[in-house]
């Protein structure tokens, strides 16, 4: 009589620490480096920020944080030149402070 365990003998036994380390490694692989902007892109973003503050436009901002690009859309409320950041109020009344150096792209929504 043949006693084969079938699929059971091919399943891997993994500890929670192994699963977590694999998830962390996959997350690290998805990280990117911060894009380098040229002077024209920076100037265009500055003009959009100033016009948004004046006219109340909604902007779609892309910012680099911890190896990934994050998106925030909302109205520019304040430009803090001392701290070198802008403050954006999103549609859910949340206030976000975004440093100038982390901005990657800004578009008018």
PDB file of N, CA and C in Angstrom:
ATOM      1  N   UNK A   1       0.844  -1.176   0.000  1.00  0.00           N
ATOM      2  CA  UNK A   1       0.000   0.000   0.000  1.00  0.00           C
ATOM      3  C   UNK A   1       0.894   1.244   0.000  1.00  0.00           C
ATOM      4  N   UNK A   2       0.619   2.183  -0.920  1.00  0.00           N
ATOM      5  CA  UNK A   2       1.414   3.400  -1.030  1.00  0.00           C
ATOM      6  C   UNK A   2       0.764   4.476  -0.169  1.00  0.00           C
ATOM      7  N   UNK A   3       1.587   5.092   0.689  1.00  0.00           N
ATOM      8  CA  UNK A   3       1.108   6.171   1.551  1.00  0.00           C
ATOM      9  C   UNK A   3       1.812   7.467   1.156  1.00  0.00           C
ATOM     10  N   UNK A   4       1.263   8.150   0.200  1.00  0.00           N
ATOM     11  CA  UNK A   4       1.846   9.394  -0.266  1.00  0.00           C
ATOM     12  C   UNK A   4       1.122  10.553   0.419  1.00  0.00           C
ATOM     13  N   UNK A   5       1.901  11.519   0.899  1.00  0.00           N
ATOM     14  CA  UNK A   5       1.305  12.676   1.565  1.00  0.00           C
ATOM     15  C   UNK A   5       0.844  13.743   0.567  1.00  0.00           C
ATOM     16  N   UNK A   6       1.133  13.574  -0.689  1.00  0.00           N
ATOM     17  CA  UNK A   6       0.667  14.505  -1.715  1.00  0.00           C
ATOM     18  C   UNK A   6       1.291  15.889  -1.567  1.00  0.00           C
ATOM     19  N   UNK A   7       0.444  16.897  -1.550  1.00  0.00           N
ATOM     20  CA  UNK A   7       0.908  18.283  -1.513  1.00  0.00           C
ATOM     21  C   UNK A   7       1.499  18.661  -0.165  1.00  0.00           C
ATOM     22  N   UNK A   8       1.179  17.934   0.851  1.00  0.00           N
ATOM     23  CA  UNK A   8       1.655  18.279   2.185  1.00  0.00           C
ATOM     24  C   UNK A   8       3.180  18.219   2.268  1.00  0.00           C
ATOM     25  N   UNK A   9       3.794  17.268   1.603  1.00  0.00           N
ATOM     26  CA  UNK A   9       5.245  17.159   1.713  1.00  0.00           C
ATOM     27  C   UNK A   9       5.967  18.285   0.976  1.00  0.00           C
ATOM     28  N   UNK A  10       5.287  19.006   0.092  1.00  0.00           N
ATOM     29  CA  UNK A  10       5.933  20.078  -0.655  1.00  0.00           C
ATOM     30  C   UNK A  10       5.653  21.466  -0.080  1.00  0.00           C
ATOM     31  N   UNK A  11       4.836  21.556   0.949  1.00  0.00           N
ATOM     32  CA  UNK A  11       4.596  22.877   1.542  1.00  0.00           C
ATOM     33  C   UNK A  11       5.775  23.249   2.422  1.00  0.00           C
ATOM     34  N   UNK A  12       6.134  24.509   2.347  1.00  0.00           N
ATOM     35  CA  UNK A  12       7.273  25.004   3.123  1.00  0.00           C
ATOM     36  C   UNK A  12       6.801  25.442   4.500  1.00  0.00           C
ATOM     37  N   UNK A  13       7.647  25.205   5.457  1.00  0.00           N
ATOM     38  CA  UNK A  13       7.354  25.657   6.807  1.00  0.00           C
ATOM     39  C   UNK A  13       8.186  26.911   7.050  1.00  0.00           C
ATOM     40  N   UNK A  14       7.513  28.042   7.231  1.00  0.00           N
ATOM     41  CA  UNK A  14       8.228  29.302   7.390  1.00  0.00           C
ATOM     42  C   UNK A  14       7.857  29.920   8.726  1.00  0.00           C
ATOM     43  N   UNK A  15       8.859  30.434   9.386  1.00  0.00           N
ATOM     44  CA  UNK A  15       8.650  31.142  10.641  1.00  0.00           C
ATOM     45  C   UNK A  15       8.168  32.557  10.347  1.00  0.00           C
ATOM     46  N   UNK A  16       7.449  33.167  11.269  1.00  0.00           N
ATOM     47  CA  UNK A  16       6.982  34.545  11.056  1.00  0.00           C
ATOM     48  C   UNK A  16       8.125  35.525  10.779  1.00  0.00           C
ATOM     49  N   UNK A  17       9.290  35.273  11.374  1.00  0.00           N
ATOM     50  CA  UNK A  17      10.436  36.142  11.139  1.00  0.00           C
ATOM     51  C   UNK A  17      10.896  36.060   9.683  1.00  0.00           C
ATOM     52  N   UNK A  18      10.831  34.857   9.103  1.00  0.00           N
ATOM     53  CA  UNK A  18      11.209  34.695   7.704  1.00  0.00           C
ATOM     54  C   UNK A  18      10.233  35.413   6.780  1.00  0.00           C
ATOM     55  N   UNK A  19       8.953  35.285   7.069  1.00  0.00           N
ATOM     56  CA  UNK A  19       7.929  35.945   6.256  1.00  0.00           C
ATOM     57  C   UNK A  19       8.121  37.457   6.312  1.00  0.00           C
ATOM     58  N   UNK A  20       8.375  37.979   7.502  1.00  0.00           N
ATOM     59  CA  UNK A  20       8.568  39.423   7.658  1.00  0.00           C
ATOM     60  C   UNK A  20       9.824  39.890   6.930  1.00  0.00           C
ATOM     61  N   UNK A  21      10.888  39.122   6.981  1.00  0.00           N
ATOM     62  CA  UNK A  21      12.119  39.526   6.287  1.00  0.00           C
ATOM     63  C   UNK A  21      11.936  39.498   4.771  1.00  0.00           C
ATOM     64  N   UNK A  22      11.144  38.570   4.255  1.00  0.00           N
ATOM     65  CA  UNK A  22      10.854  38.534   2.821  1.00  0.00           C
ATOM     66  C   UNK A  22      10.015  39.744   2.417  1.00  0.00           C
ATOM     67  N   UNK A  23       9.023  40.103   3.234  1.00  0.00           N
ATOM     68  CA  UNK A  23       8.203  41.278   2.954  1.00  0.00           C
ATOM     69  C   UNK A  23       9.055  42.544   2.980  1.00  0.00           C
ATOM     70  N   UNK A  24       9.967  42.651   3.940  1.00  0.00           N
ATOM     71  CA  UNK A  24      10.849  43.815   4.027  1.00  0.00           C
ATOM     72  C   UNK A  24      11.773  43.909   2.817  1.00  0.00           C
ATOM     73  N   UNK A  25      12.285  42.772   2.363  1.00  0.00           N
ATOM     74  CA  UNK A  25      13.167  42.761   1.192  1.00  0.00           C
ATOM     75  C   UNK A  25      12.418  43.191  -0.060  1.00  0.00           C
ATOM     76  N   UNK A  26      11.183  42.735  -0.230  1.00  0.00           N
ATOM     77  CA  UNK A  26      10.383  43.142  -1.378  1.00  0.00           C
ATOM     78  C   UNK A  26      10.053  44.632  -1.330  1.00  0.00           C
ATOM     79  N   UNK A  27       9.807  45.140  -0.127  1.00  0.00           N
ATOM     80  CA  UNK A  27       9.525  46.566   0.037  1.00  0.00           C
ATOM     81  C   UNK A  27      10.760  47.405  -0.300  1.00  0.00           C
ATOM     82  N   UNK A  28      11.943  46.933   0.095  1.00  0.00           N
ATOM     83  CA  UNK A  28      13.192  47.635  -0.210  1.00  0.00           C
ATOM     84  C   UNK A  28      13.458  47.670  -1.709  1.00  0.00           C
ATOM     85  N   UNK A  29      13.085  46.607  -2.419  1.00  0.00           N
ATOM     86  CA  UNK A  29      13.306  46.557  -3.863  1.00  0.00           C
ATOM     87  C   UNK A  29      12.466  47.582  -4.611  1.00  0.00           C
ATOM     88  N   UNK A  30      11.308  47.953  -4.066  1.00  0.00           N
ATOM     89  CA  UNK A  30      10.419  48.905  -4.720  1.00  0.00           C
ATOM     90  C   UNK A  30      10.855  50.352  -4.532  1.00  0.00           C
ATOM     91  N   UNK A  31      11.787  50.625  -3.624  1.00  0.00           N
ATOM     92  CA  UNK A  31      12.218  51.991  -3.361  1.00  0.00           C
ATOM     93  C   UNK A  31      13.006  52.541  -4.543  1.00  0.00           C
ATOM     94  N   UNK A  32      12.841  53.855  -4.765  1.00  0.00           N
ATOM     95  CA  UNK A  32      13.541  54.534  -5.846  1.00  0.00           C
ATOM     96  C   UNK A  32      14.400  55.656  -5.279  1.00  0.00           C
ATOM     97  N   UNK A  33      15.254  56.218  -6.116  1.00  0.00           N
ATOM     98  CA  UNK A  33      16.053  57.370  -5.694  1.00  0.00           C
ATOM     99  C   UNK A  33      15.311  58.645  -6.069  1.00  0.00           C
ATOM    100  N   UNK A  34      15.638  59.728  -5.385  1.00  0.00           N
ATOM    101  CA  UNK A  34      14.963  60.988  -5.630  1.00  0.00           C
ATOM    102  C   UNK A  34      15.373  61.558  -6.983  1.00  0.00           C
ATOM    103  N   UNK A  35      14.387  61.927  -7.810  1.00  0.00           N
ATOM    104  CA  UNK A  35      14.705  62.517  -9.114  1.00  0.00           C
ATOM    105  C   UNK A  35      15.377  63.879  -8.955  1.00  0.00           C
ATOM    106  N   UNK A  36      16.274  64.194  -9.874  1.00  0.00           N
ATOM    107  CA  UNK A  36      16.963  65.483  -9.867  1.00  0.00           C
ATOM    108  C   UNK A  36      16.242  66.401 -10.846  1.00  0.00           C
ATOM    109  N   UNK A  37      15.850  67.587 -10.364  1.00  0.00           N
ATOM    110  CA  UNK A  37      15.101  68.535 -11.177  1.00  0.00           C
ATOM    111  C   UNK A  37      16.043  69.565 -11.783  1.00  0.00           C
ATOM    112  N   UNK A  38      15.716  70.020 -12.994  1.00  0.00           N
ATOM    113  CA  UNK A  38      16.519  71.089 -13.586  1.00  0.00           C
ATOM    114  C   UNK A  38      15.885  72.440 -13.252  1.00  0.00           C
ATOM    115  N   UNK A  39      16.566  73.512 -13.629  1.00  0.00           N
ATOM    116  CA  UNK A  39      16.133  74.863 -13.259  1.00  0.00           C
ATOM    117  C   UNK A  39      14.766  75.213 -13.829  1.00  0.00           C
ATOM    118  N   UNK A  40      14.470  74.771 -15.047  1.00  0.00           N
ATOM    119  CA  UNK A  40      13.180  75.089 -15.665  1.00  0.00           C
ATOM    120  C   UNK A  40      12.026  74.446 -14.905  1.00  0.00           C
ATOM    121  N   UNK A  41      12.193  73.200 -14.491  1.00  0.00           N
ATOM    122  CA  UNK A  41      11.145  72.525 -13.731  1.00  0.00           C
ATOM    123  C   UNK A  41      10.923  73.218 -12.394  1.00  0.00           C
ATOM    124  N   UNK A  42      12.003  73.613 -11.734  1.00  0.00           N
ATOM    125  CA  UNK A  42      11.883  74.288 -10.433  1.00  0.00           C
ATOM    126  C   UNK A  42      11.166  75.622 -10.604  1.00  0.00           C
ATOM    127  N   UNK A  43      11.530  76.374 -11.639  1.00  0.00           N
ATOM    128  CA  UNK A  43      10.897  77.668 -11.893  1.00  0.00           C
ATOM    129  C   UNK A  43       9.406  77.500 -12.200  1.00  0.00           C
ATOM    130  N   UNK A  44       9.054  76.506 -12.993  1.00  0.00           N
ATOM    131  CA  UNK A  44       7.657  76.250 -13.320  1.00  0.00           C
ATOM    132  C   UNK A  44       6.852  75.889 -12.072  1.00  0.00           C
ATOM    133  N   UNK A  45       7.437  75.074 -11.187  1.00  0.00           N
ATOM    134  CA  UNK A  45       6.751  74.701  -9.944  1.00  0.00           C
ATOM    135  C   UNK A  45       6.578  75.923  -9.044  1.00  0.00           C
ATOM    136  N   UNK A  46       7.599  76.784  -8.978  1.00  0.00           N
ATOM    137  CA  UNK A  46       7.491  78.002  -8.164  1.00  0.00           C
ATOM    138  C   UNK A  46       6.350  78.884  -8.648  1.00  0.00           C
ATOM    139  N   UNK A  47       6.236  79.038  -9.973  1.00  0.00           N
ATOM    140  CA  UNK A  47       5.173  79.870 -10.528  1.00  0.00           C
ATOM    141  C   UNK A  47       3.791  79.275 -10.243  1.00  0.00           C
ATOM    142  N   UNK A  48       3.669  77.961 -10.350  1.00  0.00           N
ATOM    143  CA  UNK A  48       2.386  77.313 -10.047  1.00  0.00           C
ATOM    144  C   UNK A  48       2.006  77.485  -8.584  1.00  0.00           C
ATOM    145  N   UNK A  49       2.982  77.393  -7.693  1.00  0.00           N
ATOM    146  CA  UNK A  49       2.707  77.562  -6.259  1.00  0.00           C
ATOM    147  C   UNK A  49       2.239  78.986  -5.983  1.00  0.00           C
ATOM    148  N   UNK A  50       2.930  79.976  -6.540  1.00  0.00           N
ATOM    149  CA  UNK A  50       2.549  81.370  -6.314  1.00  0.00           C
ATOM    150  C   UNK A  50       1.176  81.688  -6.907  1.00  0.00           C
ATOM    151  N   UNK A  51       0.899  81.194  -8.112  1.00  0.00           N
ATOM    152  CA  UNK A  51      -0.401  81.433  -8.727  1.00  0.00           C
ATOM    153  C   UNK A  51      -1.514  80.711  -7.980  1.00  0.00           C
ATOM    154  N   UNK A  52      -1.223  79.545  -7.458  1.00  0.00           N
ATOM    155  CA  UNK A  52      -2.217  78.807  -6.676  1.00  0.00           C
ATOM    156  C   UNK A  52      -2.550  79.544  -5.389  1.00  0.00           C
ATOM    157  N   UNK A  53      -1.546  80.122  -4.768  1.00  0.00           N
ATOM    158  CA  UNK A  53      -1.772  80.885  -3.543  1.00  0.00           C
ATOM    159  C   UNK A  53      -2.622  82.117  -3.843  1.00  0.00           C
ATOM    160  N   UNK A  54      -2.365  82.756  -4.985  1.00  0.00           N
ATOM    161  CA  UNK A  54      -3.096  83.975  -5.340  1.00  0.00           C
ATOM    162  C   UNK A  54      -4.519  83.691  -5.806  1.00  0.00           C
ATOM    163  N   UNK A  55      -4.701  82.693  -6.669  1.00  0.00           N
ATOM    164  CA  UNK A  55      -6.004  82.445  -7.273  1.00  0.00           C
ATOM    165  C   UNK A  55      -6.800  81.324  -6.613  1.00  0.00           C
ATOM    166  N   UNK A  56      -6.215  80.598  -5.696  1.00  0.00           N
ATOM    167  CA  UNK A  56      -6.939  79.527  -5.002  1.00  0.00           C
ATOM    168  C   UNK A  56      -7.086  78.251  -5.801  1.00  0.00           C
ATOM    169  N   UNK A  57      -6.164  78.000  -6.705  1.00  0.00           N
ATOM    170  CA  UNK A  57      -6.216  76.786  -7.514  1.00  0.00           C
ATOM    171  C   UNK A  57      -5.946  75.553  -6.671  1.00  0.00           C
ATOM    172  N   UNK A  58      -6.475  74.435  -7.120  1.00  0.00           N
ATOM    173  CA  UNK A  58      -6.165  73.141  -6.503  1.00  0.00           C
ATOM    174  C   UNK A  58      -4.976  72.556  -7.255  1.00  0.00           C
ATOM    175  N   UNK A  59      -3.945  72.181  -6.524  1.00  0.00           N
ATOM    176  CA  UNK A  59      -2.735  71.610  -7.113  1.00  0.00           C
ATOM    177  C   UNK A  59      -2.614  70.142  -6.767  1.00  0.00           C
ATOM    178  N   UNK A  60      -2.057  69.394  -7.688  1.00  0.00           N
ATOM    179  CA  UNK A  60      -1.712  67.984  -7.464  1.00  0.00           C
ATOM    180  C   UNK A  60      -0.198  67.938  -7.288  1.00  0.00           C
ATOM    181  N   UNK A  61       0.257  67.678  -6.069  1.00  0.00           N
ATOM    182  CA  UNK A  61       1.689  67.690  -5.754  1.00  0.00           C
ATOM    183  C   UNK A  61       2.205  66.256  -5.623  1.00  0.00           C
ATOM    184  N   UNK A  62       3.364  66.027  -6.194  1.00  0.00           N
ATOM    185  CA  UNK A  62       4.068  64.760  -6.025  1.00  0.00           C
ATOM    186  C   UNK A  62       5.316  65.054  -5.200  1.00  0.00           C
ATOM    187  N   UNK A  63       5.465  64.310  -4.110  1.00  0.00           N
ATOM    188  CA  UNK A  63       6.621  64.513  -3.239  1.00  0.00           C
ATOM    189  C   UNK A  63       7.333  63.200  -2.995  1.00  0.00           C
ATOM    190  N   UNK A  64       8.638  63.295  -2.806  1.00  0.00           N
ATOM    191  CA  UNK A  64       9.469  62.128  -2.560  1.00  0.00           C
ATOM    192  C   UNK A  64       9.637  61.966  -1.060  1.00  0.00           C
ATOM    193  N   UNK A  65       9.311  60.777  -0.561  1.00  0.00           N
ATOM    194  CA  UNK A  65       9.472  60.507   0.870  1.00  0.00           C
ATOM    195  C   UNK A  65       9.758  59.030   1.067  1.00  0.00           C
ATOM    196  N   UNK A  66      10.860  58.728   1.722  1.00  0.00           N
ATOM    197  CA  UNK A  66      11.252  57.360   2.081  1.00  0.00           C
ATOM    198  C   UNK A  66      11.294  56.419   0.877  1.00  0.00           C
ATOM    199  N   UNK A  67      11.836  56.886  -0.232  1.00  0.00           N
ATOM    200  CA  UNK A  67      12.019  56.024  -1.382  1.00  0.00           C
ATOM    201  C   UNK A  67      10.806  55.818  -2.256  1.00  0.00           C
ATOM    202  N   UNK A  68       9.760  56.604  -2.057  1.00  0.00           N
ATOM    203  CA  UNK A  68       8.576  56.474  -2.899  1.00  0.00           C
ATOM    204  C   UNK A  68       7.980  57.850  -3.176  1.00  0.00           C
ATOM    205  N   UNK A  69       7.166  57.922  -4.208  1.00  0.00           N
ATOM    206  CA  UNK A  69       6.503  59.159  -4.592  1.00  0.00           C
ATOM    207  C   UNK A  69       5.098  59.149  -4.007  1.00  0.00           C
ATOM    208  N   UNK A  70       4.771  60.204  -3.261  1.00  0.00           N
ATOM    209  CA  UNK A  70       3.443  60.322  -2.665  1.00  0.00           C
ATOM    210  C   UNK A  70       2.701  61.485  -3.314  1.00  0.00           C
ATOM    211  N   UNK A  71       1.389  61.371  -3.404  1.00  0.00           N
ATOM    212  CA  UNK A  71       0.549  62.378  -4.050  1.00  0.00           C
ATOM    213  C   UNK A  71      -0.324  63.072  -3.016  1.00  0.00           C
ATOM    214  N   UNK A  72      -0.377  64.400  -3.109  1.00  0.00           N
ATOM    215  CA  UNK A  72      -1.254  65.199  -2.254  1.00  0.00           C
ATOM    216  C   UNK A  72      -1.896  66.250  -3.147  1.00  0.00           C
ATOM    217  N   UNK A  73      -3.208  66.404  -3.047  1.00  0.00           N
ATOM    218  CA  UNK A  73      -3.867  67.466  -3.799  1.00  0.00           C
ATOM    219  C   UNK A  73      -4.606  68.367  -2.823  1.00  0.00           C
ATOM    220  N   UNK A  74      -4.568  69.660  -3.125  1.00  0.00           N
ATOM    221  CA  UNK A  74      -5.241  70.621  -2.272  1.00  0.00           C
ATOM    222  C   UNK A  74      -4.838  72.042  -2.610  1.00  0.00           C
ATOM    223  N   UNK A  75      -5.258  72.969  -1.752  1.00  0.00           N
ATOM    224  CA  UNK A  75      -4.985  74.388  -1.921  1.00  0.00           C
ATOM    225  C   UNK A  75      -3.728  74.775  -1.155  1.00  0.00           C
ATOM    226  N   UNK A  76      -2.904  75.627  -1.759  1.00  0.00           N
ATOM    227  CA  UNK A  76      -1.739  76.158  -1.058  1.00  0.00           C
ATOM    228  C   UNK A  76      -2.240  77.221  -0.095  1.00  0.00           C
ATOM    229  N   UNK A  77      -1.932  77.034   1.191  1.00  0.00           N
ATOM    230  CA  UNK A  77      -2.399  77.949   2.226  1.00  0.00           C
ATOM    231  C   UNK A  77      -1.305  78.941   2.603  1.00  0.00           C
ATOM    232  N   UNK A  78      -0.055  78.479   2.671  1.00  0.00           N
ATOM    233  CA  UNK A  78       1.029  79.323   3.159  1.00  0.00           C
ATOM    234  C   UNK A  78       2.355  78.854   2.581  1.00  0.00           C
ATOM    235  N   UNK A  79       3.209  79.810   2.270  1.00  0.00           N
ATOM    236  CA  UNK A  79       4.569  79.513   1.838  1.00  0.00           C
ATOM    237  C   UNK A  79       5.496  79.996   2.940  1.00  0.00           C
ATOM    238  N   UNK A  80       6.173  79.080   3.591  1.00  0.00           N
ATOM    239  CA  UNK A  80       7.083  79.414   4.694  1.00  0.00           C
ATOM    240  C   UNK A  80       8.513  79.424   4.150  1.00  0.00           C
ATOM    241  N   UNK A  81       9.034  80.618   3.899  1.00  0.00           N
ATOM    242  CA  UNK A  81      10.377  80.735   3.327  1.00  0.00           C
ATOM    243  C   UNK A  81      11.459  80.452   4.366  1.00  0.00           C
ATOM    244  N   UNK A  82      11.160  80.684   5.620  1.00  0.00           N
ATOM    245  CA  UNK A  82      12.144  80.434   6.676  1.00  0.00           C
ATOM    246  C   UNK A  82      12.398  78.937   6.844  1.00  0.00           C
ATOM    247  N   UNK A  83      11.331  78.151   6.901  1.00  0.00           N
ATOM    248  CA  UNK A  83      11.456  76.694   7.027  1.00  0.00           C
ATOM    249  C   UNK A  83      11.606  76.002   5.681  1.00  0.00           C
ATOM    250  N   UNK A  84      11.454  76.766   4.597  1.00  0.00           N
ATOM    251  CA  UNK A  84      11.530  76.263   3.227  1.00  0.00           C
ATOM    252  C   UNK A  84      10.537  75.121   2.992  1.00  0.00           C
ATOM    253  N   UNK A  85       9.257  75.458   3.195  1.00  0.00           N
ATOM    254  CA  UNK A  85       8.196  74.485   2.981  1.00  0.00           C
ATOM    255  C   UNK A  85       6.912  75.205   2.581  1.00  0.00           C
ATOM    256  N   UNK A  86       6.012  74.453   1.971  1.00  0.00           N
ATOM    257  CA  UNK A  86       4.681  74.981   1.681  1.00  0.00           C
ATOM    258  C   UNK A  86       3.680  74.189   2.506  1.00  0.00           C
ATOM    259  N   UNK A  87       2.566  74.838   2.795  1.00  0.00           N
ATOM    260  CA  UNK A  87       1.501  74.167   3.535  1.00  0.00           C
ATOM    261  C   UNK A  87       0.298  74.039   2.619  1.00  0.00           C
ATOM    262  N   UNK A  88      -0.182  72.824   2.508  1.00  0.00           N
ATOM    263  CA  UNK A  88      -1.302  72.520   1.622  1.00  0.00           C
ATOM    264  C   UNK A  88      -2.450  71.954   2.447  1.00  0.00           C
ATOM    265  N   UNK A  89      -3.632  72.497   2.208  1.00  0.00           N
ATOM    266  CA  UNK A  89      -4.838  71.976   2.849  1.00  0.00           C
ATOM    267  C   UNK A  89      -5.549  71.104   1.836  1.00  0.00           C
ATOM    268  N   UNK A  90      -5.678  69.814   2.170  1.00  0.00           N
ATOM    269  CA  UNK A  90      -6.297  68.888   1.215  1.00  0.00           C
ATOM    270  C   UNK A  90      -7.817  68.955   1.296  1.00  0.00           C
ATOM    271  N   UNK A  91      -8.472  68.125   0.524  1.00  0.00           N
ATOM    272  CA  UNK A  91      -9.923  68.151   0.432  1.00  0.00           C
ATOM    273  C   UNK A  91     -10.610  67.652   1.702  1.00  0.00           C
ATOM    274  N   UNK A  92      -9.899  66.947   2.540  1.00  0.00           N
ATOM    275  CA  UNK A  92     -10.468  66.428   3.794  1.00  0.00           C
ATOM    276  C   UNK A  92     -10.092  67.298   4.977  1.00  0.00           C
ATOM    277  N   UNK A  93      -9.720  68.552   4.715  1.00  0.00           N
ATOM    278  CA  UNK A  93      -9.341  69.546   5.727  1.00  0.00           C
ATOM    279  C   UNK A  93      -8.108  69.157   6.526  1.00  0.00           C
ATOM    280  N   UNK A  94      -7.233  68.361   5.945  1.00  0.00           N
ATOM    281  CA  UNK A  94      -5.961  68.051   6.581  1.00  0.00           C
ATOM    282  C   UNK A  94      -4.905  69.033   6.097  1.00  0.00           C
ATOM    283  N   UNK A  95      -4.016  69.446   6.975  1.00  0.00           N
ATOM    284  CA  UNK A  95      -2.962  70.391   6.639  1.00  0.00           C
ATOM    285  C   UNK A  95      -1.640  69.647   6.546  1.00  0.00           C
ATOM    286  N   UNK A  96      -0.957  69.779   5.409  1.00  0.00           N
ATOM    287  CA  UNK A  96       0.297  69.086   5.167  1.00  0.00           C
ATOM    288  C   UNK A  96       1.414  70.104   4.960  1.00  0.00           C
ATOM    289  N   UNK A  97       2.543  69.884   5.599  1.00  0.00           N
ATOM    290  CA  UNK A  97       3.727  70.700   5.377  1.00  0.00           C
ATOM    291  C   UNK A  97       4.682  69.917   4.493  1.00  0.00           C
ATOM    292  N   UNK A  98       5.007  70.485   3.331  1.00  0.00           N
ATOM    293  CA  UNK A  98       5.861  69.798   2.365  1.00  0.00           C
ATOM    294  C   UNK A  98       7.128  70.617   2.167  1.00  0.00           C
ATOM    295  N   UNK A  99       8.288  70.062   2.477  1.00  0.00           N
ATOM    296  CA  UNK A  99       9.541  70.784   2.232  1.00  0.00           C
ATOM    297  C   UNK A  99       9.780  70.978   0.737  1.00  0.00           C
ATOM    298  N   UNK A 100      10.389  72.103   0.373  1.00  0.00           N
ATOM    299  CA  UNK A 100      10.672  72.392  -1.036  1.00  0.00           C
ATOM    300  C   UNK A 100      11.523  71.299  -1.666  1.00  0.00           C
ATOM    301  N   UNK A 101      12.515  70.814  -0.939  1.00  0.00           N
ATOM    302  CA  UNK A 101      13.467  69.852  -1.512  1.00  0.00           C
ATOM    303  C   UNK A 101      12.837  68.492  -1.814  1.00  0.00           C
ATOM    304  N   UNK A 102      11.665  68.205  -1.221  1.00  0.00           N
ATOM    305  CA  UNK A 102      11.035  66.909  -1.470  1.00  0.00           C
ATOM    306  C   UNK A 102      10.027  66.955  -2.625  1.00  0.00           C
ATOM    307  N   UNK A 103       9.727  68.141  -3.157  1.00  0.00           N
ATOM    308  CA  UNK A 103       8.786  68.255  -4.266  1.00  0.00           C
ATOM    309  C   UNK A 103       9.399  67.697  -5.535  1.00  0.00           C
ATOM    310  N   UNK A 104       8.631  66.899  -6.241  1.00  0.00           N
ATOM    311  CA  UNK A 104       9.092  66.288  -7.486  1.00  0.00           C
ATOM    312  C   UNK A 104       8.344  66.885  -8.673  1.00  0.00           C
ATOM    313  N   UNK A 105       7.037  67.063  -8.537  1.00  0.00           N
ATOM    314  CA  UNK A 105       6.225  67.585  -9.627  1.00  0.00           C
ATOM    315  C   UNK A 105       4.974  68.234  -9.054  1.00  0.00           C
ATOM    316  N   UNK A 106       4.533  69.300  -9.723  1.00  0.00           N
ATOM    317  CA  UNK A 106       3.287  69.972  -9.346  1.00  0.00           C
ATOM    318  C   UNK A 106       2.509  70.230 -10.614  1.00  0.00           C
ATOM    319  N   UNK A 107       1.206  69.915 -10.553  1.00  0.00           N
ATOM    320  CA  UNK A 107       0.322  70.169 -11.694  1.00  0.00           C
ATOM    321  C   UNK A 107      -0.946  70.830 -11.213  1.00  0.00           C
ATOM    322  N   UNK A 108      -1.505  71.665 -12.064  1.00  0.00           N
ATOM    323  CA  UNK A 108      -2.785  72.295 -11.761  1.00  0.00           C
ATOM    324  C   UNK A 108      -3.886  71.269 -11.984  1.00  0.00           C
ATOM    325  N   UNK A 109      -4.737  71.110 -10.995  1.00  0.00           N
ATOM    326  CA  UNK A 109      -5.798  70.100 -11.072  1.00  0.00           C
ATOM    327  C   UNK A 109      -7.008  70.608 -11.777  1.00  0.00           C
TER     328      UNK A 109
END
